[in-house]
Amino acid sequence: MTQPEALARPYWRSTGNPRFPLAAEVAGSWWVVRANPFPDHCMWTLFVDGVVRYDIERVPPSWGRLAPWSAPPLDSATAESVLAPVRQLGVYGSEVGRPCDDPFCCG
């Protein structure tokens, strides 16, 4: 089953945060992707308005490349506001109450 987000065409912006490097406003909601310690975990996790949606195994083609180094930056005030709901969810699994404690991938 395809997630509805996979059909969207987000315009990714760099947040300046290495753990949550990209965000996009899509239909009035803020999407934020978390960079995970790959290959121990999925490369990315998508959050929508601060709520986890799913881990991303393959980036949907309509999203383009998730490339923070080439995305235009968000202004710092917007980036702070967008990242506030997810800032405490930087460790893989913390969004479901089971943060990874493996020192080799998340430590």
PDB file of N, CA and C in Angstrom:
ATOM      1  N   MET A   1       0.846  -1.185   0.000  1.00  0.00           N
ATOM      2  CA  MET A   1       0.000   0.000   0.000  1.00  0.00           C
ATOM      3  C   MET A   1       0.890   1.247   0.000  1.00  0.00           C
ATOM      4  N   THR A   2       0.592   2.189  -0.841  1.00  0.00           N
ATOM      5  CA  THR A   2       1.358   3.419  -0.927  1.00  0.00           C
ATOM      6  C   THR A   2       0.843   4.430   0.089  1.00  0.00           C
ATOM      7  N   GLN A   3       1.770   5.048   0.801  1.00  0.00           N
ATOM      8  CA  GLN A   3       1.399   6.112   1.734  1.00  0.00           C
ATOM      9  C   GLN A   3       1.016   7.348   0.925  1.00  0.00           C
ATOM     10  N   PRO A   4       0.031   8.131   1.386  1.00  0.00           N
ATOM     11  CA  PRO A   4      -0.382   9.305   0.615  1.00  0.00           C
ATOM     12  C   PRO A   4       0.747  10.323   0.430  1.00  0.00           C
ATOM     13  N   GLU A   5       1.672  10.402   1.372  1.00  0.00           N
ATOM     14  CA  GLU A   5       2.786  11.335   1.255  1.00  0.00           C
ATOM     15  C   GLU A   5       3.675  11.020   0.053  1.00  0.00           C
ATOM     16  N   ALA A   6       3.688   9.754  -0.364  1.00  0.00           N
ATOM     17  CA  ALA A   6       4.552   9.339  -1.468  1.00  0.00           C
ATOM     18  C   ALA A   6       4.146   9.985  -2.792  1.00  0.00           C
ATOM     19  N   LEU A   7       2.932  10.507  -2.873  1.00  0.00           N
ATOM     20  CA  LEU A   7       2.451  11.128  -4.103  1.00  0.00           C
ATOM     21  C   LEU A   7       2.696  12.632  -4.148  1.00  0.00           C
ATOM     22  N   ALA A   8       3.066  13.211  -3.017  1.00  0.00           N
ATOM     23  CA  ALA A   8       3.281  14.661  -2.939  1.00  0.00           C
ATOM     24  C   ALA A   8       4.587  15.058  -3.619  1.00  0.00           C
ATOM     25  N   ARG A   9       4.712  16.350  -3.877  1.00  0.00           N
ATOM     26  CA  ARG A   9       5.930  16.908  -4.468  1.00  0.00           C
ATOM     27  C   ARG A   9       6.459  17.998  -3.534  1.00  0.00           C
ATOM     28  N   PRO A  10       7.056  17.588  -2.412  1.00  0.00           N
ATOM     29  CA  PRO A  10       7.545  18.590  -1.454  1.00  0.00           C
ATOM     30  C   PRO A  10       8.713  19.408  -2.017  1.00  0.00           C
ATOM     31  N   TYR A  11       8.753  20.653  -1.611  1.00  0.00           N
ATOM     32  CA  TYR A  11       9.874  21.535  -1.933  1.00  0.00           C
ATOM     33  C   TYR A  11      10.750  21.581  -0.689  1.00  0.00           C
ATOM     34  N   TRP A  12      11.794  20.760  -0.684  1.00  0.00           N
ATOM     35  CA  TRP A  12      12.639  20.593   0.496  1.00  0.00           C
ATOM     36  C   TRP A  12      13.510  21.813   0.730  1.00  0.00           C
ATOM     37  N   ARG A  13      13.639  22.159   2.008  1.00  0.00           N
ATOM     38  CA  ARG A  13      14.486  23.273   2.437  1.00  0.00           C
ATOM     39  C   ARG A  13      15.426  22.750   3.511  1.00  0.00           C
ATOM     40  N   SER A  14      16.618  23.261   3.521  1.00  0.00           N
ATOM     41  CA  SER A  14      17.606  22.889   4.526  1.00  0.00           C
ATOM     42  C   SER A  14      17.268  23.585   5.850  1.00  0.00           C
ATOM     43  N   THR A  15      17.369  22.826   6.952  1.00  0.00           N
ATOM     44  CA  THR A  15      17.085  23.395   8.273  1.00  0.00           C
ATOM     45  C   THR A  15      18.346  23.858   8.987  1.00  0.00           C
ATOM     46  N   GLY A  16      19.510  23.386   8.526  1.00  0.00           N
ATOM     47  CA  GLY A  16      20.761  23.685   9.230  1.00  0.00           C
ATOM     48  C   GLY A  16      21.018  22.756  10.393  1.00  0.00           C
ATOM     49  N   ASN A  17      20.155  21.762  10.595  1.00  0.00           N
ATOM     50  CA  ASN A  17      20.292  20.809  11.701  1.00  0.00           C
ATOM     51  C   ASN A  17      20.720  19.461  11.121  1.00  0.00           C
ATOM     52  N   PRO A  18      21.866  18.917  11.553  1.00  0.00           N
ATOM     53  CA  PRO A  18      22.330  17.661  10.955  1.00  0.00           C
ATOM     54  C   PRO A  18      21.428  16.457  11.227  1.00  0.00           C
ATOM     55  N   ARG A  19      20.728  16.429  12.334  1.00  0.00           N
ATOM     56  CA  ARG A  19      19.850  15.305  12.652  1.00  0.00           C
ATOM     57  C   ARG A  19      18.525  15.399  11.895  1.00  0.00           C
ATOM     58  N   PHE A  20      18.014  16.605  11.746  1.00  0.00           N
ATOM     59  CA  PHE A  20      16.765  16.870  11.019  1.00  0.00           C
ATOM     60  C   PHE A  20      17.091  17.859   9.892  1.00  0.00           C
ATOM     61  N   PRO A  21      17.719  17.377   8.834  1.00  0.00           N
ATOM     62  CA  PRO A  21      18.304  18.301   7.859  1.00  0.00           C
ATOM     63  C   PRO A  21      17.348  18.950   6.869  1.00  0.00           C
ATOM     64  N   LEU A  22      16.157  18.387   6.675  1.00  0.00           N
ATOM     65  CA  LEU A  22      15.258  18.900   5.649  1.00  0.00           C
ATOM     66  C   LEU A  22      13.839  19.057   6.161  1.00  0.00           C
ATOM     67  N   ALA A  23      13.169  20.073   5.638  1.00  0.00           N
ATOM     68  CA  ALA A  23      11.767  20.301   5.974  1.00  0.00           C
ATOM     69  C   ALA A  23      11.077  20.858   4.730  1.00  0.00           C
ATOM     70  N   ALA A  24       9.777  20.639   4.656  1.00  0.00           N
ATOM     71  CA  ALA A  24       8.979  21.168   3.555  1.00  0.00           C
ATOM     72  C   ALA A  24       7.577  21.443   4.063  1.00  0.00           C
ATOM     73  N   GLU A  25       7.008  22.541   3.619  1.00  0.00           N
ATOM     74  CA  GLU A  25       5.608  22.821   3.930  1.00  0.00           C
ATOM     75  C   GLU A  25       4.771  22.234   2.798  1.00  0.00           C
ATOM     76  N   VAL A  26       3.893  21.309   3.164  1.00  0.00           N
ATOM     77  CA  VAL A  26       3.064  20.613   2.182  1.00  0.00           C
ATOM     78  C   VAL A  26       1.610  20.714   2.632  1.00  0.00           C
ATOM     79  N   ALA A  27       0.804  21.372   1.832  1.00  0.00           N
ATOM     80  CA  ALA A  27      -0.637  21.507   2.100  1.00  0.00           C
ATOM     81  C   ALA A  27      -0.908  22.004   3.518  1.00  0.00           C
ATOM     82  N   GLY A  28      -0.102  22.968   3.974  1.00  0.00           N
ATOM     83  CA  GLY A  28      -0.316  23.563   5.288  1.00  0.00           C
ATOM     84  C   GLY A  28       0.287  22.811   6.449  1.00  0.00           C
ATOM     85  N   SER A  29       0.952  21.688   6.187  1.00  0.00           N
ATOM     86  CA  SER A  29       1.625  20.906   7.230  1.00  0.00           C
ATOM     87  C   SER A  29       3.127  20.962   6.997  1.00  0.00           C
ATOM     88  N   TRP A  30       3.877  20.883   8.090  1.00  0.00           N
ATOM     89  CA  TRP A  30       5.331  20.844   7.965  1.00  0.00           C
ATOM     90  C   TRP A  30       5.813  19.414   8.036  1.00  0.00           C
ATOM     91  N   TRP A  31       6.551  19.034   7.024  1.00  0.00           N
ATOM     92  CA  TRP A  31       7.216  17.734   6.980  1.00  0.00           C
ATOM     93  C   TRP A  31       8.668  17.943   7.368  1.00  0.00           C
ATOM     94  N   VAL A  32       9.174  17.045   8.195  1.00  0.00           N
ATOM     95  CA  VAL A  32      10.581  17.076   8.594  1.00  0.00           C
ATOM     96  C   VAL A  32      11.126  15.663   8.440  1.00  0.00           C
ATOM     97  N   VAL A  33      12.313  15.542   7.873  1.00  0.00           N
ATOM     98  CA  VAL A  33      12.949  14.229   7.798  1.00  0.00           C
ATOM     99  C   VAL A  33      14.133  14.184   8.761  1.00  0.00           C
ATOM    100  N   ARG A  34      14.203  13.062   9.465  1.00  0.00           N
ATOM    101  CA  ARG A  34      15.322  12.808  10.370  1.00  0.00           C
ATOM    102  C   ARG A  34      16.309  11.906   9.649  1.00  0.00           C
ATOM    103  N   ALA A  35      17.578  12.237   9.726  1.00  0.00           N
ATOM    104  CA  ALA A  35      18.638  11.383   9.201  1.00  0.00           C
ATOM    105  C   ALA A  35      18.969  10.351  10.274  1.00  0.00           C
ATOM    106  N   ASN A  36      18.869   9.088   9.926  1.00  0.00           N
ATOM    107  CA  ASN A  36      19.125   8.001  10.869  1.00  0.00           C
ATOM    108  C   ASN A  36      20.488   7.375  10.596  1.00  0.00           C
ATOM    109  N   PRO A  37      21.040   6.654  11.571  1.00  0.00           N
ATOM    110  CA  PRO A  37      22.333   6.000  11.367  1.00  0.00           C
ATOM    111  C   PRO A  37      22.194   4.781  10.453  1.00  0.00           C
ATOM    112  N   PHE A  38      22.376   5.008   9.193  1.00  0.00           N
ATOM    113  CA  PHE A  38      22.282   3.987   8.163  1.00  0.00           C
ATOM    114  C   PHE A  38      23.622   3.262   8.065  1.00  0.00           C
ATOM    115  N   PRO A  39      23.717   1.972   7.907  1.00  0.00           N
ATOM    116  CA  PRO A  39      22.686   1.020   7.527  1.00  0.00           C
ATOM    117  C   PRO A  39      22.041   0.290   8.706  1.00  0.00           C
ATOM    118  N   ASP A  40      22.363   0.697   9.925  1.00  0.00           N
ATOM    119  CA  ASP A  40      21.769   0.016  11.079  1.00  0.00           C
ATOM    120  C   ASP A  40      20.269   0.255  11.181  1.00  0.00           C
ATOM    121  N   HIS A  41      19.817   1.375  10.666  1.00  0.00           N
ATOM    122  CA  HIS A  41      18.395   1.736  10.656  1.00  0.00           C
ATOM    123  C   HIS A  41      18.069   2.308   9.281  1.00  0.00           C
ATOM    124  N   CYS A  42      16.786   2.478   9.008  1.00  0.00           N
ATOM    125  CA  CYS A  42      16.399   3.128   7.749  1.00  0.00           C
ATOM    126  C   CYS A  42      17.098   4.482   7.666  1.00  0.00           C
ATOM    127  N   MET A  43      17.404   4.899   6.450  1.00  0.00           N
ATOM    128  CA  MET A  43      18.158   6.143   6.281  1.00  0.00           C
ATOM    129  C   MET A  43      17.399   7.370   6.779  1.00  0.00           C
ATOM    130  N   TRP A  44      16.079   7.395   6.604  1.00  0.00           N
ATOM    131  CA  TRP A  44      15.277   8.567   6.956  1.00  0.00           C
ATOM    132  C   TRP A  44      14.016   8.158   7.715  1.00  0.00           C
ATOM    133  N   THR A  45      13.494   9.098   8.517  1.00  0.00           N
ATOM    134  CA  THR A  45      12.171   8.966   9.131  1.00  0.00           C
ATOM    135  C   THR A  45      11.425  10.259   8.836  1.00  0.00           C
ATOM    136  N   LEU A  46      10.161  10.136   8.426  1.00  0.00           N
ATOM    137  CA  LEU A  46       9.337  11.298   8.118  1.00  0.00           C
ATOM    138  C   LEU A  46       8.439  11.635   9.304  1.00  0.00           C
ATOM    139  N   PHE A  47       8.423  12.911   9.654  1.00  0.00           N
ATOM    140  CA  PHE A  47       7.509  13.454  10.658  1.00  0.00           C
ATOM    141  C   PHE A  47       6.630  14.488   9.956  1.00  0.00           C
ATOM    142  N   VAL A  48       5.346  14.501  10.278  1.00  0.00           N
ATOM    143  CA  VAL A  48       4.421  15.497   9.741  1.00  0.00           C
ATOM    144  C   VAL A  48       3.816  16.235  10.926  1.00  0.00           C
ATOM    145  N   ASP A  49       4.040  17.530  10.962  1.00  0.00           N
ATOM    146  CA  ASP A  49       3.595  18.369  12.087  1.00  0.00           C
ATOM    147  C   ASP A  49       4.014  17.777  13.429  1.00  0.00           C
ATOM    148  N   GLY A  50       5.233  17.264  13.492  1.00  0.00           N
ATOM    149  CA  GLY A  50       5.791  16.761  14.737  1.00  0.00           C
ATOM    150  C   GLY A  50       5.409  15.343  15.097  1.00  0.00           C
ATOM    151  N   VAL A  51       4.623  14.675  14.259  1.00  0.00           N
ATOM    152  CA  VAL A  51       4.178  13.307  14.526  1.00  0.00           C
ATOM    153  C   VAL A  51       4.840  12.373  13.526  1.00  0.00           C
ATOM    154  N   VAL A  52       5.404  11.282  14.037  1.00  0.00           N
ATOM    155  CA  VAL A  52       6.064  10.338  13.133  1.00  0.00           C
ATOM    156  C   VAL A  52       5.044   9.733  12.185  1.00  0.00           C
ATOM    157  N   ARG A  53       5.441   9.622  10.902  1.00  0.00           N
ATOM    158  CA  ARG A  53       4.591   8.948   9.913  1.00  0.00           C
ATOM    159  C   ARG A  53       5.161   7.576   9.598  1.00  0.00           C
ATOM    160  N   TYR A  54       6.416   7.525   9.147  1.00  0.00           N
ATOM    161  CA  TYR A  54       7.020   6.233   8.843  1.00  0.00           C
ATOM    162  C   TYR A  54       8.498   6.399   8.510  1.00  0.00           C
ATOM    163  N   ASP A  55       9.202   5.265   8.580  1.00  0.00           N
ATOM    164  CA  ASP A  55      10.587   5.209   8.120  1.00  0.00           C
ATOM    165  C   ASP A  55      10.579   5.119   6.599  1.00  0.00           C
ATOM    166  N   ILE A  56      11.594   5.672   5.996  1.00  0.00           N
ATOM    167  CA  ILE A  56      11.667   5.710   4.541  1.00  0.00           C
ATOM    168  C   ILE A  56      12.759   4.751   4.071  1.00  0.00           C
ATOM    169  N   GLU A  57      12.325   3.686   3.426  1.00  0.00           N
ATOM    170  CA  GLU A  57      13.256   2.720   2.831  1.00  0.00           C
ATOM    171  C   GLU A  57      13.751   3.243   1.488  1.00  0.00           C
ATOM    172  N   ARG A  58      12.809   3.730   0.673  1.00  0.00           N
ATOM    173  CA  ARG A  58      13.125   4.300  -0.636  1.00  0.00           C
ATOM    174  C   ARG A  58      12.424   5.637  -0.750  1.00  0.00           C
ATOM    175  N   VAL A  59      13.164   6.639  -1.146  1.00  0.00           N
ATOM    176  CA  VAL A  59      12.577   7.964  -1.308  1.00  0.00           C
ATOM    177  C   VAL A  59      11.660   7.945  -2.525  1.00  0.00           C
ATOM    178  N   PRO A  60      10.400   8.365  -2.354  1.00  0.00           N
ATOM    179  CA  PRO A  60       9.493   8.405  -3.499  1.00  0.00           C
ATOM    180  C   PRO A  60      10.062   9.292  -4.610  1.00  0.00           C
ATOM    181  N   PRO A  61       9.928   8.876  -5.854  1.00  0.00           N
ATOM    182  CA  PRO A  61      10.472   9.671  -6.972  1.00  0.00           C
ATOM    183  C   PRO A  61       9.966  11.117  -6.997  1.00  0.00           C
ATOM    184  N   SER A  62       8.714  11.334  -6.593  1.00  0.00           N
ATOM    185  CA  SER A  62       8.151  12.688  -6.633  1.00  0.00           C
ATOM    186  C   SER A  62       8.811  13.631  -5.622  1.00  0.00           C
ATOM    187  N   TRP A  63       9.547  13.080  -4.656  1.00  0.00           N
ATOM    188  CA  TRP A  63      10.213  13.903  -3.652  1.00  0.00           C
ATOM    189  C   TRP A  63      11.534  14.468  -4.146  1.00  0.00           C
ATOM    190  N   GLY A  64      12.083  13.932  -5.213  1.00  0.00           N
ATOM    191  CA  GLY A  64      13.409  14.342  -5.637  1.00  0.00           C
ATOM    192  C   GLY A  64      14.455  13.773  -4.696  1.00  0.00           C
ATOM    193  N   ARG A  65      15.657  14.286  -4.790  1.00  0.00           N
ATOM    194  CA  ARG A  65      16.732  13.818  -3.910  1.00  0.00           C
ATOM    195  C   ARG A  65      16.631  14.502  -2.555  1.00  0.00           C
ATOM    196  N   LEU A  66      16.850  13.743  -1.502  1.00  0.00           N
ATOM    197  CA  LEU A  66      16.916  14.339  -0.166  1.00  0.00           C
ATOM    198  C   LEU A  66      18.373  14.759   0.046  1.00  0.00           C
ATOM    199  N   ALA A  67      18.684  15.964  -0.377  1.00  0.00           N
ATOM    200  CA  ALA A  67      20.054  16.457  -0.382  1.00  0.00           C
ATOM    201  C   ALA A  67      20.137  17.792   0.349  1.00  0.00           C
ATOM    202  N   PRO A  68      20.378  17.765   1.667  1.00  0.00           N
ATOM    203  CA  PRO A  68      20.390  19.013   2.433  1.00  0.00           C
ATOM    204  C   PRO A  68      21.444  20.015   1.964  1.00  0.00           C
ATOM    205  N   TRP A  69      22.556  19.520   1.416  1.00  0.00           N
ATOM    206  CA  TRP A  69      23.631  20.413   0.992  1.00  0.00           C
ATOM    207  C   TRP A  69      23.247  21.243  -0.224  1.00  0.00           C
ATOM    208  N   SER A  70      22.232  20.816  -0.974  1.00  0.00           N
ATOM    209  CA  SER A  70      21.841  21.578  -2.154  1.00  0.00           C
ATOM    210  C   SER A  70      20.451  22.208  -2.026  1.00  0.00           C
ATOM    211  N   ALA A  71      19.781  21.993  -0.905  1.00  0.00           N
ATOM    212  CA  ALA A  71      18.444  22.578  -0.696  1.00  0.00           C
ATOM    213  C   ALA A  71      18.582  24.018  -0.220  1.00  0.00           C
ATOM    214  N   PRO A  72      17.710  24.908  -0.680  1.00  0.00           N
ATOM    215  CA  PRO A  72      17.749  26.282  -0.182  1.00  0.00           C
ATOM    216  C   PRO A  72      17.418  26.301   1.315  1.00  0.00           C
ATOM    217  N   PRO A  73      18.059  27.180   2.073  1.00  0.00           N
ATOM    218  CA  PRO A  73      17.850  27.180   3.522  1.00  0.00           C
ATOM    219  C   PRO A  73      16.539  27.837   3.948  1.00  0.00           C
ATOM    220  N   LEU A  74      16.002  27.313   5.038  1.00  0.00           N
ATOM    221  CA  LEU A  74      14.907  28.003   5.730  1.00  0.00           C
ATOM    222  C   LEU A  74      15.521  29.137   6.536  1.00  0.00           C
ATOM    223  N   ASP A  75      14.766  30.185   6.782  1.00  0.00           N
ATOM    224  CA  ASP A  75      15.290  31.203   7.693  1.00  0.00           C
ATOM    225  C   ASP A  75      15.336  30.601   9.090  1.00  0.00           C
ATOM    226  N   SER A  76      16.208  31.109   9.939  1.00  0.00           N
ATOM    227  CA  SER A  76      16.469  30.478  11.240  1.00  0.00           C
ATOM    228  C   SER A  76      15.235  30.442  12.140  1.00  0.00           C
ATOM    229  N   ALA A  77      14.404  31.472  12.113  1.00  0.00           N
ATOM    230  CA  ALA A  77      13.201  31.479  12.964  1.00  0.00           C
ATOM    231  C   ALA A  77      12.220  30.395  12.523  1.00  0.00           C
ATOM    232  N   THR A  78      12.037  30.240  11.225  1.00  0.00           N
ATOM    233  CA  THR A  78      11.135  29.193  10.730  1.00  0.00           C
ATOM    234  C   THR A  78      11.704  27.816  11.045  1.00  0.00           C
ATOM    235  N   ALA A  79      13.000  27.632  10.838  1.00  0.00           N
ATOM    236  CA  ALA A  79      13.629  26.346  11.144  1.00  0.00           C
ATOM    237  C   ALA A  79      13.444  25.995  12.619  1.00  0.00           C
ATOM    238  N   GLU A  80      13.651  26.947  13.509  1.00  0.00           N
ATOM    239  CA  GLU A  80      13.452  26.691  14.944  1.00  0.00           C
ATOM    240  C   GLU A  80      12.022  26.272  15.241  1.00  0.00           C
ATOM    241  N   SER A  81      11.070  26.956  14.656  1.00  0.00           N
ATOM    242  CA  SER A  81       9.657  26.651  14.881  1.00  0.00           C
ATOM    243  C   SER A  81       9.289  25.270  14.349  1.00  0.00           C
ATOM    244  N   VAL A  82       9.778  24.936  13.165  1.00  0.00           N
ATOM    245  CA  VAL A  82       9.467  23.654  12.535  1.00  0.00           C
ATOM    246  C   VAL A  82      10.111  22.495  13.283  1.00  0.00           C
ATOM    247  N   LEU A  83      11.316  22.715  13.810  1.00  0.00           N
ATOM    248  CA  LEU A  83      12.035  21.638  14.498  1.00  0.00           C
ATOM    249  C   LEU A  83      11.640  21.477  15.965  1.00  0.00           C
ATOM    250  N   ALA A  84      11.007  22.467  16.542  1.00  0.00           N
ATOM    251  CA  ALA A  84      10.644  22.397  17.967  1.00  0.00           C
ATOM    252  C   ALA A  84       9.884  21.120  18.339  1.00  0.00           C
ATOM    253  N   PRO A  85       8.878  20.684  17.569  1.00  0.00           N
ATOM    254  CA  PRO A  85       8.136  19.478  17.974  1.00  0.00           C
ATOM    255  C   PRO A  85       8.929  18.173  17.859  1.00  0.00           C
ATOM    256  N   VAL A  86      10.011  18.157  17.093  1.00  0.00           N
ATOM    257  CA  VAL A  86      10.756  16.902  16.895  1.00  0.00           C
ATOM    258  C   VAL A  86      12.130  16.909  17.557  1.00  0.00           C
ATOM    259  N   ARG A  87      12.542  18.032  18.050  1.00  0.00           N
ATOM    260  CA  ARG A  87      13.905  18.174  18.582  1.00  0.00           C
ATOM    261  C   ARG A  87      14.279  17.083  19.587  1.00  0.00           C
ATOM    262  N   GLN A  88      13.349  16.650  20.416  1.00  0.00           N
ATOM    263  CA  GLN A  88      13.635  15.618  21.427  1.00  0.00           C
ATOM    264  C   GLN A  88      13.565  14.198  20.854  1.00  0.00           C
ATOM    265  N   LEU A  89      13.344  14.069  19.552  1.00  0.00           N
ATOM    266  CA  LEU A  89      13.194  12.759  18.912  1.00  0.00           C
ATOM    267  C   LEU A  89      14.369  12.452  17.983  1.00  0.00           C
ATOM    268  N   GLY A  90      15.546  12.919  18.354  1.00  0.00           N
ATOM    269  CA  GLY A  90      16.715  12.767  17.504  1.00  0.00           C
ATOM    270  C   GLY A  90      17.272  11.363  17.420  1.00  0.00           C
ATOM    271  N   VAL A  91      17.031  10.540  18.419  1.00  0.00           N
ATOM    272  CA  VAL A  91      17.548   9.173  18.421  1.00  0.00           C
ATOM    273  C   VAL A  91      16.526   8.247  17.769  1.00  0.00           C
ATOM    274  N   TYR A  92      17.016   7.392  16.876  1.00  0.00           N
ATOM    275  CA  TYR A  92      16.120   6.454  16.192  1.00  0.00           C
ATOM    276  C   TYR A  92      15.309   5.655  17.221  1.00  0.00           C
ATOM    277  N   GLY A  93      14.025   5.552  17.026  1.00  0.00           N
ATOM    278  CA  GLY A  93      13.130   4.800  17.911  1.00  0.00           C
ATOM    279  C   GLY A  93      12.541   5.627  19.029  1.00  0.00           C
ATOM    280  N   SER A  94      13.092   6.816  19.300  1.00  0.00           N
ATOM    281  CA  SER A  94      12.571   7.636  20.401  1.00  0.00           C
ATOM    282  C   SER A  94      11.133   8.073  20.137  1.00  0.00           C
ATOM    283  N   GLU A  95      10.753   8.153  18.870  1.00  0.00           N
ATOM    284  CA  GLU A  95       9.391   8.574  18.533  1.00  0.00           C
ATOM    285  C   GLU A  95       8.343   7.546  18.915  1.00  0.00           C
ATOM    286  N   VAL A  96       8.760   6.317  19.193  1.00  0.00           N
ATOM    287  CA  VAL A  96       7.828   5.274  19.631  1.00  0.00           C
ATOM    288  C   VAL A  96       8.159   4.799  21.047  1.00  0.00           C
ATOM    289  N   GLY A  97       8.966   5.586  21.765  1.00  0.00           N
ATOM    290  CA  GLY A  97       9.298   5.271  23.154  1.00  0.00           C
ATOM    291  C   GLY A  97      10.357   4.207  23.334  1.00  0.00           C
ATOM    292  N   ARG A  98      11.071   3.846  22.257  1.00  0.00           N
ATOM    293  CA  ARG A  98      12.131   2.840  22.353  1.00  0.00           C
ATOM    294  C   ARG A  98      13.398   3.345  21.672  1.00  0.00           C
ATOM    295  N   PRO A  99      14.047   4.358  22.262  1.00  0.00           N
ATOM    296  CA  PRO A  99      15.234   4.892  21.615  1.00  0.00           C
ATOM    297  C   PRO A  99      16.358   3.854  21.549  1.00  0.00           C
ATOM    298  N   CYS A 100      17.002   3.808  20.408  1.00  0.00           N
ATOM    299  CA  CYS A 100      18.115   2.885  20.208  1.00  0.00           C
ATOM    300  C   CYS A 100      19.237   3.275  21.171  1.00  0.00           C
ATOM    301  N   ASP A 101      19.781   2.281  21.871  1.00  0.00           N
ATOM    302  CA  ASP A 101      20.888   2.570  22.770  1.00  0.00           C
ATOM    303  C   ASP A 101      22.162   1.821  22.376  1.00  0.00           C
ATOM    304  N   ASP A 102      22.205   1.348  21.139  1.00  0.00           N
ATOM    305  CA  ASP A 102      23.394   0.669  20.642  1.00  0.00           C
ATOM    306  C   ASP A 102      24.504   1.704  20.451  1.00  0.00           C
ATOM    307  N   PRO A 103      25.618   1.554  21.161  1.00  0.00           N
ATOM    308  CA  PRO A 103      26.682   2.557  21.073  1.00  0.00           C
ATOM    309  C   PRO A 103      27.342   2.625  19.698  1.00  0.00           C
ATOM    310  N   PHE A 104      27.183   1.594  18.875  1.00  0.00           N
ATOM    311  CA  PHE A 104      27.835   1.601  17.570  1.00  0.00           C
ATOM    312  C   PHE A 104      27.035   2.351  16.514  1.00  0.00           C
ATOM    313  N   CYS A 105      25.730   2.451  16.671  1.00  0.00           N
ATOM    314  CA  CYS A 105      24.957   3.175  15.657  1.00  0.00           C
ATOM    315  C   CYS A 105      24.336   4.453  16.205  1.00  0.00           C
ATOM    316  N   CYS A 106      23.899   4.452  17.438  1.00  0.00           N
ATOM    317  CA  CYS A 106      23.175   5.615  17.975  1.00  0.00           C
ATOM    318  C   CYS A 106      23.850   6.231  19.191  1.00  0.00           C
ATOM    319  N   GLY A 107      24.924   5.654  19.633  1.00  0.00           N
ATOM    320  CA  GLY A 107      25.568   6.127  20.854  1.00  0.00           C
ATOM    321  C   GLY A 107      26.443   7.259  20.731  1.00  0.00           C
TER     322      GLY A 107
END
